[in-house]
Amino acid sequence: MGTDHHEPDLHGPDLHELLRSLRVWEVDLPPFDPAGAPAEPLALFTTWFAQAVAAGQPEPHTMSLATADEDGRPDVRTVMLHGADASGWSFATHAGSRKGRQLTARPYAALGFYWPAQGRQVRVRGPVTGAPSAESQADLHARSTGALAAALTGRQSEVLSSLAELRQQSQAAWDRARREPHAPVPSWTLYRLRPHEVEFFQGDAARRHVRLRYRRTEEGWAKELLWP
């Protein structure tokens, strides 16, 4: 009996073909009239966030966090939004992690939210400050057992010798988190970005995207439209 032989695909998929085949916003995009936007960006962000949740957007509370190192070289990763209020947009990490060290060297950052369920983006830029230790610990202990276990595992961004070591250290951290739900993690820091600029982007199928930027001035927030 003959056997079919298939030559392995040594080159893998054609990335350019894949990119050309993709489409975006195959949903009904909501309208956005910037003339009716509130005077401050936080109110609009809260509304858009709630609408993203209602539209079924997966993980709308995740965001890109961009920082720069001592030499000004950019870095970016995805983190979780912990809150947003009059004092700023907040997130947390270990002070000794890569992003923590970068924020110490250059305490300025940018955030990026992308909610494709509605073709929307929100971009936030401004200086960053760390919250007092008591507030940072309260933020950590208000989260899940898994979040505390991850924080207790620590050593974020350090070189890892093996996955076995990770499993061992993580299991020990999970055990402690269950035993001590208020175990302190001194390096855990809640950071707040106080926005100087906040941009709201509403996608449009005809590529007439609406961009509304808020800029902080001495007199308050100024609003302006941007070309797409």
N, C-alpha and C. Protein backbone atom coordinates (compact mmCIF):
# COMPACT_ATOMS: atom_id res chain seq x y z
N MET A 1 0.84 -1.19 0.00
CA MET A 1 0.00 0.00 0.00
C MET A 1 0.88 1.24 0.00
N GLY A 2 0.57 2.15 -0.89
CA GLY A 2 1.36 3.36 -0.97
C GLY A 2 1.08 4.29 0.20
N THR A 3 2.04 5.10 0.51
CA THR A 3 1.89 6.07 1.60
C THR A 3 2.09 7.47 1.05
N ASP A 4 1.14 8.34 1.39
CA ASP A 4 1.26 9.72 0.93
C ASP A 4 2.32 10.43 1.76
N HIS A 5 3.17 11.12 1.09
CA HIS A 5 4.20 11.90 1.79
C HIS A 5 3.97 13.37 1.50
N HIS A 6 4.00 14.17 2.54
CA HIS A 6 3.80 15.61 2.41
C HIS A 6 5.09 16.32 2.78
N GLU A 7 5.55 17.11 1.87
CA GLU A 7 6.76 17.86 2.17
C GLU A 7 6.47 18.90 3.26
N PRO A 8 7.30 18.97 4.27
CA PRO A 8 7.07 19.98 5.31
C PRO A 8 7.24 21.38 4.74
N ASP A 9 6.45 22.27 5.27
CA ASP A 9 6.54 23.68 4.86
C ASP A 9 7.68 24.32 5.63
N LEU A 10 8.83 24.37 4.97
CA LEU A 10 10.03 24.87 5.66
C LEU A 10 9.99 26.38 5.85
N HIS A 11 9.17 27.04 5.06
CA HIS A 11 9.17 28.50 5.12
C HIS A 11 8.05 29.05 5.99
N GLY A 12 7.08 28.21 6.37
CA GLY A 12 5.99 28.69 7.20
C GLY A 12 5.02 29.54 6.40
N PRO A 13 4.05 30.13 7.07
CA PRO A 13 3.05 30.94 6.37
C PRO A 13 3.67 32.21 5.80
N ASP A 14 3.05 32.71 4.76
CA ASP A 14 3.49 33.96 4.14
C ASP A 14 2.87 35.11 4.93
N LEU A 15 3.69 35.80 5.67
CA LEU A 15 3.19 36.87 6.54
C LEU A 15 2.50 37.97 5.74
N HIS A 16 3.08 38.34 4.60
CA HIS A 16 2.51 39.42 3.81
C HIS A 16 1.14 39.02 3.24
N GLU A 17 1.02 37.75 2.83
CA GLU A 17 -0.28 37.28 2.36
C GLU A 17 -1.32 37.34 3.47
N LEU A 18 -0.92 36.90 4.66
CA LEU A 18 -1.83 36.95 5.80
C LEU A 18 -2.26 38.38 6.10
N LEU A 19 -1.30 39.30 6.09
CA LEU A 19 -1.62 40.69 6.41
C LEU A 19 -2.60 41.27 5.38
N ARG A 20 -2.38 40.95 4.12
CA ARG A 20 -3.25 41.50 3.08
C ARG A 20 -4.66 40.91 3.13
N SER A 21 -4.79 39.72 3.72
CA SER A 21 -6.10 39.07 3.77
C SER A 21 -6.97 39.56 4.92
N LEU A 22 -6.40 40.28 5.84
CA LEU A 22 -7.13 40.67 7.05
C LEU A 22 -7.96 41.92 6.82
N ARG A 23 -9.08 41.98 7.52
CA ARG A 23 -9.94 43.15 7.50
C ARG A 23 -10.18 43.59 8.94
N VAL A 24 -10.52 44.85 9.10
CA VAL A 24 -10.78 45.38 10.44
C VAL A 24 -12.19 45.95 10.50
N TRP A 25 -12.69 46.03 11.73
CA TRP A 25 -13.98 46.68 12.00
C TRP A 25 -15.11 46.11 11.17
N GLU A 26 -15.22 44.79 11.13
CA GLU A 26 -16.35 44.18 10.44
C GLU A 26 -17.55 44.13 11.40
N VAL A 27 -17.81 45.28 11.99
CA VAL A 27 -18.92 45.48 12.92
C VAL A 27 -19.52 46.84 12.61
N ASP A 28 -20.70 47.09 13.16
CA ASP A 28 -21.30 48.42 13.02
C ASP A 28 -20.61 49.37 13.99
N LEU A 29 -19.94 50.36 13.44
CA LEU A 29 -19.21 51.31 14.28
C LEU A 29 -20.16 52.38 14.81
N PRO A 30 -20.03 52.71 16.09
CA PRO A 30 -20.93 53.72 16.65
C PRO A 30 -20.55 55.12 16.18
N PRO A 31 -21.52 56.02 16.13
CA PRO A 31 -21.19 57.40 15.77
C PRO A 31 -20.53 58.11 16.95
N PHE A 32 -19.80 59.16 16.65
CA PHE A 32 -19.19 59.98 17.70
C PHE A 32 -19.21 61.43 17.24
N ASP A 33 -19.97 62.24 17.94
CA ASP A 33 -20.05 63.66 17.65
C ASP A 33 -19.24 64.41 18.70
N PRO A 34 -18.03 64.88 18.36
CA PRO A 34 -17.20 65.54 19.37
C PRO A 34 -17.81 66.83 19.89
N ALA A 35 -18.79 67.39 19.17
CA ALA A 35 -19.42 68.61 19.66
C ALA A 35 -20.14 68.37 20.98
N GLY A 36 -20.54 67.14 21.23
CA GLY A 36 -21.22 66.82 22.47
C GLY A 36 -20.33 66.23 23.54
N ALA A 37 -19.01 66.24 23.31
CA ALA A 37 -18.07 65.67 24.27
C ALA A 37 -18.02 66.50 25.54
N PRO A 38 -17.83 65.88 26.69
CA PRO A 38 -17.77 66.63 27.95
C PRO A 38 -16.53 67.51 28.03
N ALA A 39 -16.51 68.39 29.01
CA ALA A 39 -15.41 69.35 29.14
C ALA A 39 -14.11 68.70 29.56
N GLU A 40 -14.16 67.55 30.24
CA GLU A 40 -12.96 66.88 30.73
C GLU A 40 -12.89 65.46 30.17
N PRO A 41 -11.69 64.94 29.94
CA PRO A 41 -11.56 63.63 29.29
C PRO A 41 -12.00 62.45 30.14
N LEU A 42 -11.91 62.55 31.46
CA LEU A 42 -12.23 61.41 32.30
C LEU A 42 -13.68 60.97 32.11
N ALA A 43 -14.59 61.94 31.98
CA ALA A 43 -16.00 61.60 31.79
C ALA A 43 -16.22 60.85 30.49
N LEU A 44 -15.55 61.28 29.42
CA LEU A 44 -15.70 60.59 28.13
C LEU A 44 -15.05 59.21 28.19
N PHE A 45 -13.90 59.10 28.85
CA PHE A 45 -13.25 57.80 28.99
C PHE A 45 -14.17 56.83 29.72
N THR A 46 -14.78 57.28 30.80
CA THR A 46 -15.67 56.41 31.58
C THR A 46 -16.84 55.93 30.73
N THR A 47 -17.40 56.84 29.94
CA THR A 47 -18.51 56.47 29.05
C THR A 47 -18.06 55.46 28.01
N TRP A 48 -16.96 55.74 27.34
CA TRP A 48 -16.46 54.82 26.31
C TRP A 48 -16.10 53.46 26.92
N PHE A 49 -15.51 53.47 28.10
CA PHE A 49 -15.14 52.20 28.75
C PHE A 49 -16.40 51.37 29.02
N ALA A 50 -17.43 52.01 29.57
CA ALA A 50 -18.68 51.30 29.85
C ALA A 50 -19.30 50.76 28.57
N GLN A 51 -19.21 51.53 27.49
CA GLN A 51 -19.76 51.08 26.22
C GLN A 51 -18.95 49.93 25.64
N ALA A 52 -17.64 49.93 25.85
CA ALA A 52 -16.81 48.81 25.40
C ALA A 52 -17.19 47.53 26.14
N VAL A 53 -17.42 47.64 27.44
CA VAL A 53 -17.86 46.49 28.22
C VAL A 53 -19.19 45.97 27.70
N ALA A 54 -20.15 46.89 27.48
CA ALA A 54 -21.48 46.50 27.00
C ALA A 54 -21.42 45.87 25.62
N ALA A 55 -20.44 46.28 24.80
CA ALA A 55 -20.30 45.74 23.44
C ALA A 55 -19.60 44.38 23.42
N GLY A 56 -19.18 43.89 24.59
CA GLY A 56 -18.53 42.59 24.66
C GLY A 56 -17.05 42.61 24.34
N GLN A 57 -16.43 43.77 24.43
CA GLN A 57 -15.00 43.86 24.16
C GLN A 57 -14.22 43.03 25.18
N PRO A 58 -13.44 42.03 24.74
CA PRO A 58 -12.65 41.25 25.70
C PRO A 58 -11.59 42.12 26.38
N GLU A 59 -11.48 41.96 27.67
CA GLU A 59 -10.45 42.61 28.48
C GLU A 59 -10.29 44.10 28.14
N PRO A 60 -11.33 44.87 28.24
CA PRO A 60 -11.20 46.30 27.91
C PRO A 60 -10.31 47.06 28.89
N HIS A 61 -10.01 46.46 30.03
CA HIS A 61 -9.17 47.11 31.03
C HIS A 61 -7.69 46.88 30.81
N THR A 62 -7.33 46.16 29.74
CA THR A 62 -5.91 46.03 29.41
C THR A 62 -5.48 47.20 28.53
N MET A 63 -4.23 47.57 28.65
CA MET A 63 -3.72 48.75 27.93
C MET A 63 -2.24 48.57 27.66
N SER A 64 -1.76 49.25 26.64
CA SER A 64 -0.32 49.31 26.38
C SER A 64 0.27 50.41 27.24
N LEU A 65 1.38 50.11 27.87
CA LEU A 65 2.11 51.09 28.69
C LEU A 65 3.48 51.31 28.05
N ALA A 66 3.73 52.52 27.59
CA ALA A 66 5.00 52.86 26.95
C ALA A 66 5.85 53.70 27.91
N THR A 67 7.10 53.30 28.06
CA THR A 67 8.06 54.03 28.89
C THR A 67 9.36 54.16 28.10
N ALA A 68 10.34 54.80 28.69
CA ALA A 68 11.65 54.92 28.05
C ALA A 68 12.73 54.68 29.10
N ASP A 69 13.85 54.11 28.67
CA ASP A 69 14.94 53.86 29.61
C ASP A 69 15.81 55.10 29.77
N GLU A 70 16.90 54.97 30.50
CA GLU A 70 17.76 56.12 30.79
C GLU A 70 18.32 56.75 29.52
N ASP A 71 18.47 55.96 28.46
CA ASP A 71 19.01 56.47 27.20
C ASP A 71 17.93 56.96 26.25
N GLY A 72 16.69 56.95 26.71
CA GLY A 72 15.59 57.42 25.88
C GLY A 72 15.05 56.39 24.91
N ARG A 73 15.49 55.13 25.02
CA ARG A 73 15.00 54.09 24.13
C ARG A 73 13.63 53.62 24.59
N PRO A 74 12.65 53.57 23.68
CA PRO A 74 11.28 53.25 24.10
C PRO A 74 11.10 51.78 24.43
N ASP A 75 10.08 51.53 25.24
CA ASP A 75 9.70 50.17 25.62
C ASP A 75 8.18 50.15 25.78
N VAL A 76 7.56 49.01 25.54
CA VAL A 76 6.11 48.94 25.65
C VAL A 76 5.70 47.54 26.05
N ARG A 77 4.60 47.43 26.80
CA ARG A 77 4.05 46.15 27.21
C ARG A 77 2.57 46.34 27.54
N THR A 78 1.86 45.24 27.71
CA THR A 78 0.44 45.30 28.05
C THR A 78 0.26 45.08 29.55
N VAL A 79 -0.46 45.98 30.18
CA VAL A 79 -0.72 45.88 31.62
C VAL A 79 -2.21 46.13 31.86
N MET A 80 -2.60 46.08 33.12
CA MET A 80 -4.00 46.24 33.48
C MET A 80 -4.24 47.60 34.14
N LEU A 81 -5.32 48.24 33.75
CA LEU A 81 -5.73 49.49 34.38
C LEU A 81 -6.31 49.18 35.75
N HIS A 82 -5.82 49.88 36.77
CA HIS A 82 -6.33 49.67 38.12
C HIS A 82 -7.38 50.71 38.51
N GLY A 83 -7.44 51.80 37.80
CA GLY A 83 -8.43 52.82 38.10
C GLY A 83 -8.14 54.09 37.34
N ALA A 84 -9.12 54.97 37.32
CA ALA A 84 -8.94 56.29 36.71
C ALA A 84 -9.86 57.26 37.45
N ASP A 85 -9.29 58.32 37.95
CA ASP A 85 -10.07 59.33 38.66
C ASP A 85 -9.41 60.68 38.47
N ALA A 86 -9.80 61.65 39.26
CA ALA A 86 -9.28 63.00 39.09
C ALA A 86 -7.77 63.08 39.28
N SER A 87 -7.18 62.11 39.99
CA SER A 87 -5.73 62.15 40.22
C SER A 87 -4.95 61.46 39.11
N GLY A 88 -5.63 60.72 38.23
CA GLY A 88 -4.93 60.12 37.10
C GLY A 88 -5.35 58.70 36.83
N TRP A 89 -4.72 58.12 35.79
CA TRP A 89 -4.93 56.72 35.41
C TRP A 89 -3.90 55.88 36.17
N SER A 90 -4.30 54.79 36.80
CA SER A 90 -3.39 54.05 37.67
C SER A 90 -3.13 52.63 37.18
N PHE A 91 -1.93 52.15 37.46
CA PHE A 91 -1.49 50.79 37.19
C PHE A 91 -0.45 50.45 38.24
N ALA A 92 -0.01 49.20 38.29
CA ALA A 92 0.91 48.81 39.36
C ALA A 92 1.94 47.81 38.85
N THR A 93 3.08 47.81 39.52
CA THR A 93 4.16 46.87 39.21
C THR A 93 5.18 46.92 40.34
N HIS A 94 6.16 46.05 40.27
CA HIS A 94 7.28 46.10 41.22
C HIS A 94 8.18 47.29 40.87
N ALA A 95 8.61 47.99 41.88
CA ALA A 95 9.50 49.13 41.65
C ALA A 95 10.80 48.71 40.99
N GLY A 96 11.22 47.47 41.22
CA GLY A 96 12.48 46.99 40.66
C GLY A 96 12.34 46.30 39.31
N SER A 97 11.13 46.22 38.77
CA SER A 97 10.95 45.64 37.45
C SER A 97 11.51 46.57 36.39
N ARG A 98 11.56 46.10 35.16
CA ARG A 98 12.10 46.95 34.09
C ARG A 98 11.30 48.24 33.97
N LYS A 99 9.97 48.13 33.93
CA LYS A 99 9.18 49.35 33.80
C LYS A 99 9.27 50.22 35.05
N GLY A 100 9.39 49.58 36.23
CA GLY A 100 9.55 50.36 37.45
C GLY A 100 10.85 51.16 37.43
N ARG A 101 11.93 50.53 36.98
CA ARG A 101 13.22 51.23 36.91
C ARG A 101 13.16 52.34 35.87
N GLN A 102 12.50 52.07 34.75
CA GLN A 102 12.39 53.10 33.72
C GLN A 102 11.59 54.30 34.21
N LEU A 103 10.54 54.04 34.97
CA LEU A 103 9.73 55.15 35.50
C LEU A 103 10.50 55.94 36.55
N THR A 104 11.41 55.28 37.25
CA THR A 104 12.26 56.01 38.19
C THR A 104 13.22 56.93 37.43
N ALA A 105 13.79 56.42 36.34
CA ALA A 105 14.75 57.21 35.55
C ALA A 105 14.06 58.30 34.76
N ARG A 106 12.90 57.97 34.19
CA ARG A 106 12.14 58.92 33.36
C ARG A 106 10.66 58.80 33.71
N PRO A 107 10.21 59.58 34.69
CA PRO A 107 8.83 59.43 35.19
C PRO A 107 7.78 60.05 34.28
N TYR A 108 7.72 59.55 33.07
CA TYR A 108 6.75 60.01 32.08
C TYR A 108 6.36 58.81 31.24
N ALA A 109 5.08 58.68 30.90
CA ALA A 109 4.65 57.49 30.19
C ALA A 109 3.47 57.80 29.29
N ALA A 110 3.11 56.80 28.47
CA ALA A 110 1.94 56.89 27.61
C ALA A 110 1.16 55.59 27.72
N LEU A 111 -0.17 55.71 27.66
CA LEU A 111 -1.06 54.57 27.71
C LEU A 111 -1.82 54.49 26.40
N GLY A 112 -2.15 53.28 25.97
CA GLY A 112 -2.94 53.09 24.76
C GLY A 112 -3.99 52.02 24.96
N PHE A 113 -5.26 52.39 24.78
CA PHE A 113 -6.36 51.43 24.83
C PHE A 113 -6.86 51.20 23.41
N TYR A 114 -7.17 49.95 23.06
CA TYR A 114 -7.73 49.64 21.76
C TYR A 114 -8.93 48.74 21.95
N TRP A 115 -10.09 49.21 21.49
CA TRP A 115 -11.34 48.47 21.63
C TRP A 115 -11.93 48.23 20.24
N PRO A 116 -11.45 47.18 19.54
CA PRO A 116 -11.89 46.94 18.16
C PRO A 116 -13.37 46.63 18.03
N ALA A 117 -14.02 46.20 19.11
CA ALA A 117 -15.46 45.93 19.04
C ALA A 117 -16.24 47.16 18.62
N GLN A 118 -15.64 48.37 18.85
CA GLN A 118 -16.30 49.61 18.45
C GLN A 118 -15.38 50.51 17.63
N GLY A 119 -14.22 49.98 17.22
CA GLY A 119 -13.30 50.77 16.41
C GLY A 119 -12.75 51.98 17.14
N ARG A 120 -12.48 51.82 18.41
CA ARG A 120 -12.07 52.96 19.23
C ARG A 120 -10.69 52.77 19.85
N GLN A 121 -9.99 53.88 19.97
CA GLN A 121 -8.73 53.94 20.70
C GLN A 121 -8.79 55.13 21.67
N VAL A 122 -8.04 54.99 22.77
CA VAL A 122 -7.82 56.12 23.68
C VAL A 122 -6.33 56.15 23.99
N ARG A 123 -5.73 57.32 23.84
CA ARG A 123 -4.30 57.49 24.12
C ARG A 123 -4.13 58.53 25.21
N VAL A 124 -3.27 58.22 26.18
CA VAL A 124 -3.07 59.09 27.34
C VAL A 124 -1.58 59.29 27.55
N ARG A 125 -1.15 60.54 27.76
CA ARG A 125 0.27 60.84 28.01
C ARG A 125 0.40 61.78 29.19
N GLY A 126 1.47 61.59 29.99
CA GLY A 126 1.69 62.51 31.09
C GLY A 126 2.72 62.00 32.07
N PRO A 127 3.04 62.80 33.08
CA PRO A 127 4.01 62.40 34.11
C PRO A 127 3.41 61.35 35.04
N VAL A 128 4.31 60.55 35.62
CA VAL A 128 3.90 59.44 36.48
C VAL A 128 4.52 59.60 37.85
N THR A 129 3.73 59.33 38.87
CA THR A 129 4.22 59.33 40.26
C THR A 129 3.80 58.03 40.94
N GLY A 130 4.58 57.61 41.93
CA GLY A 130 4.26 56.42 42.71
C GLY A 130 3.44 56.79 43.93
N ALA A 131 2.47 55.97 44.25
CA ALA A 131 1.62 56.21 45.43
C ALA A 131 2.38 55.82 46.69
N PRO A 132 1.98 56.33 47.85
CA PRO A 132 2.59 55.90 49.12
C PRO A 132 2.44 54.39 49.32
N SER A 133 3.34 53.82 50.12
CA SER A 133 3.38 52.38 50.31
C SER A 133 2.05 51.83 50.81
N ALA A 134 1.43 52.49 51.78
CA ALA A 134 0.19 51.99 52.34
C ALA A 134 -0.89 51.89 51.27
N GLU A 135 -0.96 52.86 50.40
CA GLU A 135 -1.95 52.85 49.33
C GLU A 135 -1.63 51.76 48.31
N SER A 136 -0.35 51.58 48.00
CA SER A 136 0.05 50.53 47.07
C SER A 136 -0.31 49.15 47.61
N GLN A 137 -0.05 48.92 48.91
CA GLN A 137 -0.37 47.63 49.50
C GLN A 137 -1.88 47.41 49.55
N ALA A 138 -2.64 48.45 49.84
CA ALA A 138 -4.10 48.31 49.85
C ALA A 138 -4.62 47.95 48.47
N ASP A 139 -4.03 48.54 47.43
CA ASP A 139 -4.43 48.20 46.05
C ASP A 139 -4.15 46.73 45.77
N LEU A 140 -2.99 46.25 46.17
CA LEU A 140 -2.63 44.85 45.92
C LEU A 140 -3.57 43.91 46.66
N HIS A 141 -3.87 44.20 47.92
CA HIS A 141 -4.66 43.28 48.72
C HIS A 141 -6.15 43.34 48.38
N ALA A 142 -6.55 44.31 47.59
CA ALA A 142 -7.93 44.36 47.12
C ALA A 142 -8.11 43.48 45.89
N ARG A 143 -7.04 42.97 45.33
CA ARG A 143 -7.10 42.16 44.12
C ARG A 143 -7.21 40.67 44.47
N SER A 144 -7.06 39.80 43.49
CA SER A 144 -7.28 38.37 43.68
C SER A 144 -6.10 37.70 44.37
N THR A 145 -6.35 36.46 44.82
CA THR A 145 -5.27 35.66 45.40
C THR A 145 -4.16 35.44 44.39
N GLY A 146 -4.54 35.23 43.14
CA GLY A 146 -3.54 35.04 42.10
C GLY A 146 -2.66 36.25 41.90
N ALA A 147 -3.27 37.45 42.00
CA ALA A 147 -2.48 38.67 41.86
C ALA A 147 -1.47 38.79 42.99
N LEU A 148 -1.90 38.46 44.20
CA LEU A 148 -0.97 38.51 45.34
C LEU A 148 0.12 37.46 45.17
N ALA A 149 -0.24 36.26 44.72
CA ALA A 149 0.77 35.21 44.53
C ALA A 149 1.80 35.65 43.50
N ALA A 150 1.35 36.26 42.41
CA ALA A 150 2.29 36.73 41.39
C ALA A 150 3.21 37.79 41.97
N ALA A 151 2.65 38.70 42.77
CA ALA A 151 3.48 39.75 43.37
C ALA A 151 4.48 39.15 44.36
N LEU A 152 4.05 38.14 45.12
CA LEU A 152 4.95 37.50 46.07
C LEU A 152 6.05 36.72 45.37
N THR A 153 5.76 36.19 44.20
CA THR A 153 6.80 35.47 43.44
C THR A 153 7.95 36.41 43.13
N GLY A 154 7.60 37.67 42.78
CA GLY A 154 8.61 38.70 42.60
C GLY A 154 9.61 38.42 41.49
N ARG A 155 10.75 39.10 41.57
CA ARG A 155 11.88 38.95 40.65
C ARG A 155 11.49 39.27 39.20
N GLN A 156 10.48 40.11 39.05
CA GLN A 156 10.00 40.42 37.71
C GLN A 156 11.09 41.02 36.84
N SER A 157 11.21 40.54 35.62
CA SER A 157 12.16 40.97 34.59
C SER A 157 13.58 40.43 34.81
N GLU A 158 13.81 39.70 35.91
CA GLU A 158 15.12 39.08 36.09
C GLU A 158 15.24 37.84 35.19
N VAL A 159 16.45 37.41 34.93
CA VAL A 159 16.67 36.22 34.12
C VAL A 159 16.23 34.98 34.91
N LEU A 160 15.46 34.10 34.25
CA LEU A 160 14.94 32.88 34.87
C LEU A 160 15.75 31.68 34.39
N SER A 161 16.20 30.84 35.31
CA SER A 161 17.05 29.71 34.94
C SER A 161 16.26 28.58 34.30
N SER A 162 15.01 28.35 34.73
CA SER A 162 14.22 27.26 34.17
C SER A 162 12.76 27.44 34.56
N LEU A 163 11.87 26.78 33.81
CA LEU A 163 10.45 26.81 34.15
C LEU A 163 10.19 26.03 35.44
N ALA A 164 11.04 25.05 35.74
CA ALA A 164 10.89 24.30 36.98
C ALA A 164 11.07 25.22 38.19
N GLU A 165 12.04 26.12 38.10
CA GLU A 165 12.25 27.07 39.18
C GLU A 165 11.04 27.99 39.33
N LEU A 166 10.49 28.42 38.20
CA LEU A 166 9.29 29.26 38.24
C LEU A 166 8.14 28.53 38.92
N ARG A 167 7.90 27.27 38.55
CA ARG A 167 6.81 26.50 39.16
C ARG A 167 7.00 26.38 40.67
N GLN A 168 8.23 26.12 41.09
CA GLN A 168 8.51 25.95 42.51
C GLN A 168 8.26 27.24 43.28
N GLN A 169 8.82 28.34 42.78
CA GLN A 169 8.66 29.62 43.47
C GLN A 169 7.20 30.10 43.43
N SER A 170 6.54 29.87 42.31
CA SER A 170 5.14 30.29 42.19
C SER A 170 4.25 29.50 43.13
N GLN A 171 4.47 28.19 43.24
CA GLN A 171 3.65 27.38 44.14
C GLN A 171 3.82 27.83 45.58
N ALA A 172 5.07 28.13 45.98
CA ALA A 172 5.32 28.62 47.33
C ALA A 172 4.60 29.95 47.55
N ALA A 173 4.58 30.81 46.53
CA ALA A 173 3.91 32.10 46.65
C ALA A 173 2.40 31.92 46.75
N TRP A 174 1.84 30.99 45.97
CA TRP A 174 0.40 30.70 46.06
C TRP A 174 0.04 30.20 47.46
N ASP A 175 0.86 29.31 48.00
CA ASP A 175 0.59 28.78 49.35
C ASP A 175 0.60 29.91 50.37
N ARG A 176 1.55 30.80 50.26
CA ARG A 176 1.63 31.91 51.23
C ARG A 176 0.46 32.87 51.04
N ALA A 177 0.09 33.14 49.79
CA ALA A 177 -1.02 34.06 49.53
C ALA A 177 -2.32 33.53 50.13
N ARG A 178 -2.51 32.22 50.09
CA ARG A 178 -3.71 31.65 50.70
C ARG A 178 -3.65 31.71 52.22
N ARG A 179 -2.46 31.50 52.78
CA ARG A 179 -2.30 31.54 54.24
C ARG A 179 -2.36 32.96 54.76
N GLU A 180 -1.74 33.90 54.01
CA GLU A 180 -1.61 35.28 54.46
C GLU A 180 -2.16 36.23 53.39
N PRO A 181 -3.47 36.41 53.33
CA PRO A 181 -4.06 37.25 52.28
C PRO A 181 -3.65 38.72 52.36
N HIS A 182 -3.02 39.10 53.47
CA HIS A 182 -2.54 40.48 53.60
C HIS A 182 -1.02 40.53 53.71
N ALA A 183 -0.36 39.52 53.16
CA ALA A 183 1.11 39.50 53.19
C ALA A 183 1.66 40.73 52.46
N PRO A 184 2.62 41.43 53.06
CA PRO A 184 3.16 42.63 52.41
C PRO A 184 4.12 42.29 51.29
N VAL A 185 4.12 43.13 50.27
CA VAL A 185 5.09 43.04 49.18
C VAL A 185 5.67 44.44 49.02
N PRO A 186 6.75 44.75 49.74
CA PRO A 186 7.26 46.13 49.80
C PRO A 186 7.57 46.75 48.45
N SER A 187 7.96 45.94 47.46
CA SER A 187 8.34 46.51 46.16
C SER A 187 7.13 46.85 45.29
N TRP A 188 5.96 46.36 45.66
CA TRP A 188 4.77 46.58 44.84
C TRP A 188 4.35 48.05 44.93
N THR A 189 4.21 48.68 43.78
CA THR A 189 3.95 50.12 43.74
C THR A 189 2.79 50.44 42.81
N LEU A 190 1.88 51.24 43.32
CA LEU A 190 0.79 51.75 42.50
C LEU A 190 1.26 53.06 41.88
N TYR A 191 1.19 53.15 40.56
CA TYR A 191 1.63 54.34 39.84
C TYR A 191 0.41 55.07 39.28
N ARG A 192 0.52 56.39 39.22
CA ARG A 192 -0.54 57.19 38.62
C ARG A 192 0.04 58.08 37.53
N LEU A 193 -0.62 58.03 36.38
CA LEU A 193 -0.26 58.91 35.28
C LEU A 193 -1.24 60.08 35.28
N ARG A 194 -0.70 61.28 35.47
CA ARG A 194 -1.55 62.48 35.44
C ARG A 194 -1.54 63.02 34.01
N PRO A 195 -2.65 62.92 33.30
CA PRO A 195 -2.62 63.19 31.87
C PRO A 195 -2.39 64.65 31.52
N HIS A 196 -1.50 64.88 30.56
CA HIS A 196 -1.36 66.18 29.93
C HIS A 196 -2.10 66.21 28.60
N GLU A 197 -2.24 65.01 28.00
CA GLU A 197 -2.99 64.87 26.75
C GLU A 197 -3.80 63.58 26.81
N VAL A 198 -5.02 63.64 26.29
CA VAL A 198 -5.86 62.44 26.13
C VAL A 198 -6.53 62.54 24.77
N GLU A 199 -6.32 61.53 23.93
CA GLU A 199 -6.93 61.53 22.60
C GLU A 199 -7.93 60.40 22.46
N PHE A 200 -9.09 60.72 21.90
CA PHE A 200 -10.13 59.75 21.61
C PHE A 200 -10.25 59.59 20.09
N PHE A 201 -10.15 58.34 19.65
CA PHE A 201 -10.16 58.02 18.22
C PHE A 201 -11.36 57.14 17.94
N GLN A 202 -12.24 57.59 17.07
CA GLN A 202 -13.37 56.77 16.62
C GLN A 202 -13.16 56.41 15.16
N GLY A 203 -13.02 55.11 14.90
CA GLY A 203 -12.82 54.65 13.54
C GLY A 203 -14.06 54.84 12.68
N ASP A 204 -13.83 54.96 11.38
CA ASP A 204 -14.90 55.15 10.41
C ASP A 204 -14.61 54.26 9.20
N ALA A 205 -15.65 53.54 8.72
CA ALA A 205 -15.44 52.60 7.62
C ALA A 205 -14.94 53.28 6.36
N ALA A 206 -15.29 54.56 6.16
CA ALA A 206 -14.83 55.31 5.00
C ALA A 206 -13.49 56.00 5.26
N ARG A 207 -12.85 55.64 6.37
CA ARG A 207 -11.55 56.19 6.78
C ARG A 207 -11.60 57.67 7.15
N ARG A 208 -12.82 58.15 7.44
CA ARG A 208 -12.94 59.52 7.95
C ARG A 208 -12.99 59.44 9.48
N HIS A 209 -11.88 58.97 10.03
CA HIS A 209 -11.82 58.74 11.47
C HIS A 209 -11.94 60.07 12.22
N VAL A 210 -12.62 60.02 13.36
CA VAL A 210 -12.78 61.21 14.19
C VAL A 210 -11.78 61.14 15.33
N ARG A 211 -10.96 62.16 15.45
CA ARG A 211 -9.95 62.23 16.52
C ARG A 211 -10.18 63.51 17.33
N LEU A 212 -10.40 63.34 18.61
CA LEU A 212 -10.60 64.46 19.52
C LEU A 212 -9.50 64.42 20.58
N ARG A 213 -8.74 65.50 20.66
CA ARG A 213 -7.66 65.56 21.65
C ARG A 213 -7.98 66.60 22.73
N TYR A 214 -7.77 66.18 23.98
CA TYR A 214 -7.83 67.09 25.12
C TYR A 214 -6.40 67.45 25.51
N ARG A 215 -6.13 68.72 25.70
CA ARG A 215 -4.82 69.18 26.18
C ARG A 215 -5.01 69.97 27.47
N ARG A 216 -4.21 69.63 28.48
CA ARG A 216 -4.29 70.35 29.74
C ARG A 216 -3.58 71.70 29.61
N THR A 217 -4.24 72.77 29.98
CA THR A 217 -3.68 74.11 29.96
C THR A 217 -3.83 74.74 31.34
N GLU A 218 -3.27 75.92 31.51
CA GLU A 218 -3.41 76.60 32.80
C GLU A 218 -4.86 76.95 33.10
N GLU A 219 -5.65 77.12 32.07
CA GLU A 219 -7.05 77.47 32.25
C GLU A 219 -7.96 76.24 32.35
N GLY A 220 -7.41 75.05 32.15
CA GLY A 220 -8.22 73.84 32.17
C GLY A 220 -7.97 73.03 30.91
N TRP A 221 -8.93 72.25 30.50
CA TRP A 221 -8.76 71.37 29.34
C TRP A 221 -9.19 72.08 28.06
N ALA A 222 -8.34 72.02 27.06
CA ALA A 222 -8.66 72.53 25.73
C ALA A 222 -8.96 71.33 24.84
N LYS A 223 -9.94 71.47 23.96
CA LYS A 223 -10.33 70.40 23.04
C LYS A 223 -10.03 70.82 21.61
N GLU A 224 -9.54 69.89 20.81
CA GLU A 224 -9.26 70.18 19.40
C GLU A 224 -9.39 68.91 18.58
N LEU A 225 -9.84 69.07 17.34
CA LEU A 225 -9.93 67.95 16.41
C LEU A 225 -8.59 67.78 15.69
N LEU A 226 -8.29 66.54 15.32
CA LEU A 226 -7.06 66.23 14.59
C LEU A 226 -7.43 65.54 13.28
N TRP A 227 -6.64 65.83 12.24
CA TRP A 227 -6.81 65.11 10.99
C TRP A 227 -6.51 63.63 11.21
N PRO A 228 -7.29 62.75 10.57
CA PRO A 228 -7.02 61.31 10.74
C PRO A 228 -5.75 60.88 9.99
